[in-house]
């Protein structure tokens, strides 16, 4: 090789080395802004905060996430658009908030009288649920990492006593979710839509007869024991709920594969932690609600069966209206049907609801074929 050739190829090697150094430096300089739909006054924000802190501990120099609680950067209603447009890189959310964009978001965030938290865990990690989150959020230029799951919500709390479904007739009730509102309408109630931060005052001022918000632990942390006298259980409207982090796709693609994997692992870890934390909080909060004098009333088995029948009608209606919704509910019910082989054998030590009264896959598929 001639001197000039050596000089030429040596120059290339030096250039490539310099480019690699610059690339590494660029990776080391990445900084994300992350916010949440939850303010500091609502304990769900801790799920978002813990995920961000875990990522910062594990990733090293390539990425640092600067977390800001909900409401400090923008109203929670503007978070989705901020991620879609790249205004900020990441934000914690509840998928149900975006059901106006696609009804499939409702199922990705919660189920009406269907999944338990363990069902969501199984479905997300082993039964195709994770891929469906990517499909639905991907339509809006996002990657989605489910990083929190909680069991059923508390149910209606307020100053009006609710002992049965008959007591819902004519009542103004804060309830979130399109499907939930449809069921409530058939039961004679009127859906009132309010942001989470407005629920306390709505109960206090009598704007609503009663309201659902979240788990007993979250409700207690929001001060509900100060304004609530009655509590109707169980929380059929949200039998379990998932929260997660929305990530702008371009920001995600700028990360190395190794860092992307770390973010996923941090989310999986957070799922397990969030469930155990939520259950302990709900246990302690229920005792405190009782100590404060709140009366708990439980719906009868007949009432719960009626709710399930109405919910099934709503599932089928949603499937026939929207193909994405149909795809998600089909996947969920398919999981429930297949899990029943082991679930029913292991009763009473099973980890899922025993429920044989659900729409058939054939009924949902007939909607999907339209």
Protein backbone atom coordinates (compact mmCIF):
# COMPACT_ATOMS: atom_id res chain seq x y z
CA UNK A 1 0.00 0.00 0.00
CA UNK A 2 1.38 3.39 -0.95
CA UNK A 3 1.97 6.22 1.47
CA UNK A 4 -0.92 8.15 -0.07
CA UNK A 5 -3.23 5.14 0.29
CA UNK A 6 -2.25 4.74 3.90
CA UNK A 7 -2.84 8.42 4.43
CA UNK A 8 -6.24 8.18 2.74
CA UNK A 9 -7.48 5.16 4.70
CA UNK A 10 -5.93 6.50 7.87
CA UNK A 11 -7.91 9.66 7.37
CA UNK A 12 -11.09 7.65 7.00
CA UNK A 13 -10.34 5.76 10.21
CA UNK A 14 -9.74 9.01 12.07
CA UNK A 15 -12.94 10.49 10.65
CA UNK A 16 -14.98 7.42 11.64
CA UNK A 17 -13.49 7.51 15.13
CA UNK A 18 -14.38 11.18 15.42
CA UNK A 19 -17.89 10.52 14.15
CA UNK A 20 -18.29 7.73 16.69
CA UNK A 21 -17.14 10.04 19.45
CA UNK A 22 -19.57 12.72 18.31
CA UNK A 23 -22.36 10.12 18.13
CA UNK A 24 -21.62 8.93 21.65
CA UNK A 25 -21.53 12.54 22.81
CA UNK A 26 -24.90 13.18 21.14
CA UNK A 27 -26.37 10.15 22.91
CA UNK A 28 -24.95 11.31 26.24
CA UNK A 29 -26.55 14.70 25.84
CA UNK A 30 -30.16 13.56 25.41
CA UNK A 31 -32.57 15.03 27.90
CA UNK A 32 -36.31 14.47 28.00
CA UNK A 33 -39.05 16.51 29.56
CA UNK A 34 -41.79 14.33 31.03
CA UNK A 35 -45.02 15.42 32.65
CA UNK A 36 -48.21 13.70 33.76
CA UNK A 37 -51.96 13.98 33.69
CA UNK A 38 -51.81 13.70 37.51
CA UNK A 39 -50.95 16.64 39.79
CA UNK A 40 -48.96 16.17 42.99
CA UNK A 41 -52.21 16.10 44.98
CA UNK A 42 -53.23 12.77 43.37
CA UNK A 43 -51.09 9.80 44.42
CA UNK A 44 -51.19 8.21 40.96
CA UNK A 45 -48.48 10.68 40.00
CA UNK A 46 -46.06 8.57 42.03
CA UNK A 47 -46.33 5.78 39.44
CA UNK A 48 -45.08 8.16 36.76
CA UNK A 49 -42.42 9.64 38.99
CA UNK A 50 -41.05 6.25 40.05
CA UNK A 51 -40.74 5.08 36.44
CA UNK A 52 -38.77 8.21 35.51
CA UNK A 53 -36.51 7.84 38.54
CA UNK A 54 -35.89 4.16 37.77
CA UNK A 55 -34.94 4.98 34.18
CA UNK A 56 -32.55 7.70 35.32
CA UNK A 57 -30.83 5.24 37.67
CA UNK A 58 -30.45 2.51 35.06
CA UNK A 59 -29.73 4.27 31.79
CA UNK A 60 -26.60 6.20 32.67
CA UNK A 61 -25.39 9.07 30.50
CA UNK A 62 -27.42 8.50 27.35
CA UNK A 63 -30.71 9.83 28.71
CA UNK A 64 -31.96 11.84 31.65
CA UNK A 65 -35.67 12.41 32.23
CA UNK A 66 -36.73 15.66 33.86
CA UNK A 67 -40.09 14.89 35.46
CA UNK A 68 -42.70 17.55 36.18
CA UNK A 69 -46.00 16.77 37.90
CA UNK A 70 -49.27 17.35 36.09
CA UNK A 71 -50.41 20.93 35.76
CA UNK A 72 -46.96 22.45 36.12
CA UNK A 73 -46.27 22.61 32.37
CA UNK A 74 -49.73 22.47 30.80
CA UNK A 75 -53.31 21.39 31.55
CA UNK A 76 -53.76 17.61 31.54
CA UNK A 77 -56.08 17.90 28.54
CA UNK A 78 -53.18 19.18 26.42
CA UNK A 79 -50.69 16.43 27.25
CA UNK A 80 -51.69 14.08 24.42
CA UNK A 81 -51.21 16.75 21.75
CA UNK A 82 -47.87 17.77 23.29
CA UNK A 83 -46.52 14.24 22.86
CA UNK A 84 -47.99 13.78 19.39
CA UNK A 85 -46.42 17.00 18.10
CA UNK A 86 -43.12 16.53 19.93
CA UNK A 87 -43.59 19.54 22.20
CA UNK A 88 -42.27 17.32 25.00
CA UNK A 89 -40.90 13.81 24.81
CA UNK A 90 -42.95 11.85 27.37
CA UNK A 91 -45.97 12.00 29.66
CA UNK A 92 -47.77 9.69 32.04
CA UNK A 93 -51.45 9.21 31.29
CA UNK A 94 -54.61 7.18 31.63
CA UNK A 95 -55.62 5.91 28.17
CA UNK A 96 -59.31 6.49 28.90
CA UNK A 97 -58.72 10.23 28.65
CA UNK A 98 -58.21 9.91 24.90
CA UNK A 99 -61.31 7.87 24.04
CA UNK A 100 -62.55 10.84 22.02
CA UNK A 101 -59.71 10.16 19.58
CA UNK A 102 -60.39 6.42 19.41
CA UNK A 103 -62.82 4.36 21.52
CA UNK A 104 -60.12 1.66 21.74
CA UNK A 105 -58.32 3.88 24.28
CA UNK A 106 -61.16 3.22 26.71
CA UNK A 107 -60.40 -0.51 26.83
CA UNK A 108 -56.65 0.06 26.99
CA UNK A 109 -57.19 2.13 30.13
CA UNK A 110 -59.86 0.13 31.92
CA UNK A 111 -62.53 -2.48 31.51
CA UNK A 112 -66.15 -2.32 32.48
CA UNK A 113 -66.94 -5.42 34.56
CA UNK A 114 -64.29 -7.56 32.86
CA UNK A 115 -60.54 -7.68 33.66
CA UNK A 116 -58.86 -7.80 37.05
CA UNK A 117 -55.42 -6.25 37.47
CA UNK A 118 -53.83 -9.70 37.09
CA UNK A 119 -55.74 -10.18 33.85
CA UNK A 120 -54.23 -6.95 32.53
CA UNK A 121 -50.76 -8.13 33.56
CA UNK A 122 -51.23 -11.48 31.81
CA UNK A 123 -52.76 -9.91 28.73
CA UNK A 124 -50.17 -7.14 28.36
CA UNK A 125 -47.10 -9.29 28.87
CA UNK A 126 -48.07 -12.64 27.35
CA UNK A 127 -51.28 -12.39 25.34
CA UNK A 128 -50.71 -9.64 22.79
CA UNK A 129 -51.88 -6.67 24.79
CA UNK A 130 -48.58 -4.80 24.58
CA UNK A 131 -48.67 -4.93 20.78
CA UNK A 132 -52.20 -3.50 20.73
CA UNK A 133 -51.08 -0.51 22.81
CA UNK A 134 -48.39 0.13 20.19
CA UNK A 135 -50.90 -0.21 17.37
CA UNK A 136 -53.42 2.24 18.81
CA UNK A 137 -50.95 4.83 20.16
CA UNK A 138 -48.80 4.34 17.08
CA UNK A 139 -51.53 5.93 14.98
CA UNK A 140 -50.67 9.18 16.79
CA UNK A 141 -46.88 8.96 16.45
CA UNK A 142 -46.27 7.47 19.89
CA UNK A 143 -44.74 4.49 21.64
CA UNK A 144 -46.60 3.42 24.78
CA UNK A 145 -45.24 1.64 27.82
CA UNK A 146 -47.89 0.45 30.32
CA UNK A 147 -46.18 1.05 33.67
CA UNK A 148 -48.95 0.92 36.27
CA UNK A 149 -51.95 -1.28 37.03
CA UNK A 150 -54.50 -1.16 39.85
CA UNK A 151 -57.44 -3.32 40.80
CA UNK A 152 -61.05 -2.26 40.72
CA UNK A 153 -61.91 1.30 41.63
CA UNK A 154 -63.82 2.23 44.74
CA UNK A 155 -67.20 2.90 43.17
CA UNK A 156 -69.63 5.74 43.73
CA UNK A 157 -68.93 7.93 46.75
CA UNK A 158 -71.00 10.90 47.84
CA UNK A 159 -73.59 12.34 50.17
CA UNK A 160 -76.48 10.46 48.55
CA UNK A 161 -76.95 6.86 49.65
CA UNK A 162 -76.91 4.24 46.89
CA UNK A 163 -77.93 0.75 47.98
CA UNK A 164 -79.02 -0.74 44.66
CA UNK A 165 -79.14 -0.06 40.94
CA UNK A 166 -82.62 1.36 41.43
CA UNK A 167 -81.06 4.18 43.44
CA UNK A 168 -79.06 5.29 40.38
CA UNK A 169 -82.23 6.32 38.56
CA UNK A 170 -82.39 10.06 38.05
CA UNK A 171 -79.07 10.72 39.79
CA UNK A 172 -76.31 12.99 38.50
CA UNK A 173 -73.14 10.92 38.77
CA UNK A 174 -69.55 11.72 37.87
CA UNK A 175 -68.28 8.76 35.88
CA UNK A 176 -65.52 8.63 33.27
CA UNK A 177 -65.49 6.57 30.10
CA UNK A 178 -67.76 6.23 27.10
CA UNK A 179 -68.73 2.62 27.86
CA UNK A 180 -69.33 3.42 31.52
CA UNK A 181 -71.59 6.31 30.56
CA UNK A 182 -73.59 4.10 28.22
CA UNK A 183 -74.21 1.55 30.96
CA UNK A 184 -75.15 4.27 33.44
CA UNK A 185 -77.62 5.71 30.94
CA UNK A 186 -79.37 2.35 30.62
CA UNK A 187 -79.55 2.18 34.41
CA UNK A 188 -81.31 5.55 34.53
CA UNK A 189 -78.43 7.70 35.74
CA UNK A 190 -77.00 10.84 34.15
CA UNK A 191 -73.27 10.97 33.37
CA UNK A 192 -71.39 14.07 34.51
CA UNK A 193 -67.91 14.50 33.06
CA UNK A 194 -65.41 16.21 35.35
CA UNK A 195 -61.62 16.34 35.57
CA UNK A 196 -60.17 14.45 38.50
CA UNK A 197 -59.20 17.62 40.31
CA UNK A 198 -62.82 18.84 40.23
CA UNK A 199 -64.47 15.79 41.82
CA UNK A 200 -63.94 16.78 45.46
CA UNK A 201 -65.65 20.15 45.05
CA UNK A 202 -68.46 18.64 42.95
CA UNK A 203 -69.33 16.29 45.83
CA UNK A 204 -68.90 19.00 48.44
CA UNK A 205 -71.16 21.47 46.62
CA UNK A 206 -73.79 18.93 45.57
CA UNK A 207 -73.06 19.36 41.86
CA UNK A 208 -73.24 15.56 41.67
CA UNK A 209 -75.14 13.10 43.83
CA UNK A 210 -72.11 10.80 43.90
CA UNK A 211 -68.89 10.26 42.00
CA UNK A 212 -66.36 7.63 41.08
CA UNK A 213 -62.75 8.64 40.76
CA UNK A 214 -60.17 5.97 41.53
CA UNK A 215 -59.12 3.36 44.08
CA UNK A 216 -59.88 3.86 47.79
CA UNK A 217 -56.24 4.81 48.35
CA UNK A 218 -56.26 7.51 45.68
CA UNK A 219 -59.67 8.80 46.78
CA UNK A 220 -58.50 9.08 50.38
CA UNK A 221 -55.33 10.89 49.34
CA UNK A 222 -57.57 13.40 47.53
CA UNK A 223 -59.45 14.13 50.77
CA UNK A 224 -62.75 12.42 49.95
CA UNK A 225 -63.33 11.36 53.57
CA UNK A 226 -64.06 15.05 54.29
CA UNK A 227 -67.06 15.21 51.96
CA UNK A 228 -68.26 11.62 51.52
CA UNK A 229 -70.94 9.95 53.67
CA UNK A 230 -71.90 6.93 51.56
CA UNK A 231 -70.01 4.47 49.38
CA UNK A 232 -71.51 1.91 46.94
CA UNK A 233 -69.41 -1.17 46.11
CA UNK A 234 -68.00 -2.88 44.12
CA UNK A 235 -66.59 -0.53 41.49
CA UNK A 236 -68.11 -2.31 38.49
CA UNK A 237 -67.46 0.66 36.22
CA UNK A 238 -63.69 0.02 36.27
CA UNK A 239 -62.85 -3.53 37.31
CA UNK A 240 -59.15 -2.72 36.84
CA UNK A 241 -57.15 0.14 35.31
CA UNK A 242 -53.88 0.64 33.48
CA UNK A 243 -51.75 3.78 33.29
CA UNK A 244 -48.58 4.27 31.31
CA UNK A 245 -46.15 6.61 29.63
CA UNK A 246 -46.66 8.09 26.17
CA UNK A 247 -43.40 8.65 24.29
CA UNK A 248 -42.98 10.65 21.12
CA UNK A 249 -41.91 8.19 18.40
CA UNK A 250 -39.07 10.35 17.08
CA UNK A 251 -37.65 10.73 20.59
CA UNK A 252 -37.92 6.97 21.07
CA UNK A 253 -36.21 6.19 17.76
CA UNK A 254 -33.29 8.44 18.74
CA UNK A 255 -32.44 6.09 21.61
CA UNK A 256 -30.18 3.09 21.27
CA UNK A 257 -31.81 -0.34 21.31
CA UNK A 258 -30.18 -1.01 24.68
CA UNK A 259 -31.72 2.11 26.20
CA UNK A 260 -35.12 1.33 24.70
CA UNK A 261 -34.95 -2.08 26.36
CA UNK A 262 -34.10 -0.49 29.71
CA UNK A 263 -37.16 1.75 29.45
CA UNK A 264 -39.33 -1.31 28.79
CA UNK A 265 -37.83 -3.22 31.71
CA UNK A 266 -38.41 -0.25 34.02
CA UNK A 267 -42.07 -0.21 32.94
CA UNK A 268 -42.48 -3.94 33.60
CA UNK A 269 -40.97 -3.53 37.05
CA UNK A 270 -43.30 -0.62 37.75
CA UNK A 271 -46.36 -2.70 36.84
CA UNK A 272 -45.74 -5.19 39.64
CA UNK A 273 -44.80 -2.50 42.17
CA UNK A 274 -47.84 -0.35 41.37
CA UNK A 275 -50.26 -3.21 42.00
CA UNK A 276 -48.85 -4.18 45.39
CA UNK A 277 -48.59 -0.52 46.40
CA UNK A 278 -52.15 0.23 45.32
CA UNK A 279 -53.61 -2.78 47.14
CA UNK A 280 -51.87 -1.80 50.37
CA UNK A 281 -53.03 1.81 50.02
CA UNK A 282 -56.60 0.68 49.35
CA UNK A 283 -56.56 -1.62 52.39
CA UNK A 284 -55.42 1.18 54.67
CA UNK A 285 -57.74 3.76 53.10
CA UNK A 286 -60.83 1.56 53.40
CA UNK A 287 -60.20 1.25 57.13
CA UNK A 288 -59.82 5.02 57.38
CA UNK A 289 -63.04 5.67 55.46
CA UNK A 290 -64.88 3.39 57.87
CA UNK A 291 -63.27 5.13 60.84
CA UNK A 292 -64.47 8.50 59.49
CA UNK A 293 -68.07 7.24 59.48
CA UNK A 294 -68.61 6.42 55.81
CA UNK A 295 -71.34 3.82 55.24
CA UNK A 296 -70.58 1.08 52.70
CA UNK A 297 -73.41 -0.54 50.74
CA UNK A 298 -72.91 -3.50 48.39
CA UNK A 299 -74.96 -4.18 45.26
CA UNK A 300 -76.84 -7.47 45.26
CA UNK A 301 -75.76 -10.40 43.10
CA UNK A 302 -78.84 -9.77 40.97
CA UNK A 303 -77.75 -6.16 40.42
CA UNK A 304 -74.25 -7.23 39.43
CA UNK A 305 -75.65 -9.75 36.96
CA UNK A 306 -77.77 -7.02 35.41
CA UNK A 307 -74.72 -4.77 35.10
CA UNK A 308 -72.84 -7.56 33.34
CA UNK A 309 -75.67 -8.08 30.87
CA UNK A 310 -75.80 -4.37 30.05
CA UNK A 311 -72.00 -4.25 29.80
CA UNK A 312 -72.07 -7.10 27.28
CA UNK A 313 -74.48 -5.13 25.12
CA UNK A 314 -72.15 -2.13 25.29
CA UNK A 315 -69.13 -4.27 24.30
CA UNK A 316 -70.92 -5.52 21.21
CA UNK A 317 -72.20 -2.07 20.33
CA UNK A 318 -68.66 -0.67 20.53
CA UNK A 319 -67.27 -3.53 18.44
CA UNK A 320 -69.77 -2.89 15.68
CA UNK A 321 -69.01 0.85 15.69
CA UNK A 322 -65.21 0.83 15.56
CA UNK A 323 -62.71 -1.72 14.17
CA UNK A 324 -59.92 -0.84 16.65
CA UNK A 325 -62.29 -1.25 19.58
CA UNK A 326 -63.46 -4.56 18.11
CA UNK A 327 -59.89 -5.81 17.78
CA UNK A 328 -59.06 -4.98 21.41
CA UNK A 329 -62.23 -6.40 22.98
CA UNK A 330 -61.89 -9.54 20.84
CA UNK A 331 -58.33 -10.01 22.13
CA UNK A 332 -59.46 -9.49 25.74
CA UNK A 333 -62.35 -11.93 25.61
CA UNK A 334 -60.23 -14.47 23.74
CA UNK A 335 -57.73 -14.28 26.60
CA UNK A 336 -60.52 -14.77 29.18
CA UNK A 337 -61.92 -17.76 27.28
CA UNK A 338 -58.54 -19.47 26.91
CA UNK A 339 -57.40 -18.70 30.45
CA UNK A 340 -60.56 -20.37 31.76
CA UNK A 341 -59.03 -23.81 31.08
CA UNK A 342 -56.63 -23.29 34.00
CA UNK A 343 -58.51 -20.55 35.88
CA UNK A 344 -61.61 -22.68 36.55
CA UNK A 345 -59.56 -25.66 37.67
CA UNK A 346 -57.75 -23.56 40.27
CA UNK A 347 -60.82 -21.97 41.92
CA UNK A 348 -60.83 -20.61 44.62
CA UNK A 349 -57.10 -19.92 44.29
CA UNK A 350 -57.30 -18.54 40.77
CA UNK A 351 -56.03 -15.10 39.75
CA UNK A 352 -58.87 -13.99 37.48
CA UNK A 353 -62.60 -13.46 37.60
CA UNK A 354 -64.69 -16.52 36.93
CA UNK A 355 -67.17 -15.14 34.45
CA UNK A 356 -68.85 -17.25 31.83
CA UNK A 357 -71.36 -14.55 30.90
CA UNK A 358 -69.52 -12.60 28.21
CA UNK A 359 -70.17 -11.96 24.51
CA UNK A 360 -68.95 -14.81 22.33
CA UNK A 361 -66.01 -14.34 20.00
CA UNK A 362 -68.34 -15.17 17.12
CA UNK A 363 -70.60 -12.23 18.03
CA UNK A 364 -67.66 -9.84 18.04
CA UNK A 365 -66.27 -11.31 14.80
CA UNK A 366 -69.61 -10.72 13.10
CA UNK A 367 -69.09 -7.00 13.82
CA UNK A 368 -65.50 -7.15 12.60
CA UNK A 369 -66.61 -8.68 9.31
CA UNK A 370 -69.06 -5.87 8.53
